Protein backbone atom coordinates (compact mmCIF):
# COMPACT_ATOMS: atom_id res chain seq x y z
CA MET A 1 -33.17 -32.62 35.86
CA THR A 2 -31.83 -31.92 32.36
CA LYS A 3 -32.86 -28.32 32.76
CA GLN A 4 -30.63 -28.01 35.82
CA ILE A 5 -27.72 -29.67 34.02
CA ASN A 6 -28.12 -27.33 31.06
CA ILE A 7 -28.13 -24.32 33.38
CA ILE A 8 -25.03 -25.56 35.22
CA ILE A 9 -23.20 -26.17 31.94
CA LEU A 10 -24.21 -22.76 30.63
CA PHE A 11 -23.00 -20.92 33.73
CA SER A 12 -19.77 -22.92 33.84
CA LEU A 13 -19.06 -22.04 30.20
CA ILE A 14 -19.76 -18.37 30.86
CA PHE A 15 -17.53 -18.41 33.92
CA VAL A 16 -14.68 -20.13 32.07
CA SER A 17 -14.89 -17.86 29.05
CA CYS A 18 -15.01 -14.67 31.14
CA ASN A 19 -12.13 -15.74 33.29
CA LYS A 20 -9.55 -15.42 30.50
CA THR A 21 -7.36 -12.36 30.70
CA THR A 22 -5.43 -10.85 27.86
CA PRO A 23 -1.68 -10.94 28.30
CA ILE A 24 0.02 -7.63 28.99
CA LEU A 25 2.69 -6.94 26.41
CA SER A 26 5.83 -5.00 27.03
CA LYS A 27 6.78 -2.01 24.91
CA LYS A 28 9.37 -4.09 23.04
CA GLU A 29 6.82 -6.79 22.22
CA ILE A 30 4.31 -4.22 21.01
CA ASN A 31 6.93 -2.53 18.81
CA LYS A 32 8.02 -5.92 17.45
CA LYS A 33 4.42 -6.81 16.47
CA VAL A 34 3.82 -3.39 14.96
CA ASP A 35 7.06 -3.57 12.98
CA SER A 36 6.22 -7.00 11.60
CA ILE A 37 2.75 -5.84 10.53
CA VAL A 38 4.17 -2.68 8.97
CA ASN A 39 6.89 -4.60 7.11
CA ILE A 40 4.32 -6.97 5.64
CA ARG A 41 2.16 -4.04 4.54
CA ILE A 42 5.16 -2.23 3.03
CA LYS A 43 5.96 -5.29 0.92
CA GLU A 44 2.35 -5.47 -0.26
CA ILE A 45 2.36 -1.77 -1.17
CA ASP A 46 5.64 -2.17 -3.06
CA LYS A 47 4.20 -5.03 -5.11
CA GLU A 48 1.05 -3.04 -5.85
CA SER A 49 3.05 0.00 -6.90
CA GLU A 50 5.27 -2.08 -9.21
CA ARG A 51 2.19 -3.59 -10.88
CA ASP A 52 0.64 -0.14 -11.21
CA LEU A 53 3.86 1.29 -12.67
CA GLU A 54 4.12 -1.47 -15.26
CA HIS A 55 0.49 -0.96 -16.24
CA ARG A 56 0.86 2.83 -16.50
CA ILE A 57 4.11 2.58 -18.47
CA LYS A 58 2.42 0.40 -21.08
CA ILE A 59 -0.34 2.95 -21.50
CA GLU A 60 1.47 6.27 -21.15
CA LEU A 61 4.76 5.50 -22.88
CA LYS A 62 3.08 4.70 -26.17
CA VAL A 63 1.11 7.96 -26.09
CA LYS A 64 4.21 10.02 -25.24
CA ALA A 65 6.31 8.35 -27.92
CA ASP A 66 3.61 8.86 -30.54
CA SER A 67 3.26 12.54 -29.68
CA ILE A 68 7.04 13.07 -29.91
CA ILE A 69 7.20 11.32 -33.27
CA ASN A 70 4.24 13.32 -34.58
CA ALA A 71 5.80 16.56 -33.36
CA ARG A 72 9.09 15.79 -35.11
CA ASN A 73 7.36 14.76 -38.31
CA ASN A 74 5.20 17.89 -38.33
CA LYS A 75 8.05 20.14 -37.13
CA THR A 76 5.73 21.72 -34.59
CA ILE A 77 8.44 21.95 -31.97
CA LYS A 78 9.32 25.61 -31.58
CA ASP A 79 12.53 26.76 -30.00
CA THR A 80 11.56 28.93 -27.07
CA ILE A 81 15.08 30.32 -26.61
CA PRO A 82 16.27 32.82 -29.20
CA LYS A 83 19.43 31.78 -31.02
CA ASN A 84 21.35 34.87 -29.94
CA ALA A 85 20.28 34.70 -26.27
CA GLN A 86 22.98 34.41 -23.64
CA LEU A 87 22.22 31.62 -21.23
CA PHE A 88 25.10 32.30 -18.85
CA LYS A 89 26.68 35.66 -18.12
């Protein structure tokens, strides 16, 4: 008896779960969902890029500034344009 009840319950659950259909979305609804997902992702990417920029600035700016200061102190900067060269004719 319980075996029959279990089988009936199992088949009824399968029937009910398979009977659900997915709703058909219009083109506007699809575009609206895609736009919302894309906008969320764009905001996440912007935040990640700002964090990355701040991190890179802290690292790279110090190195660049130190190399410029060292170059000025050592006078290793060479003028690549001759003094008597005409830049504009």
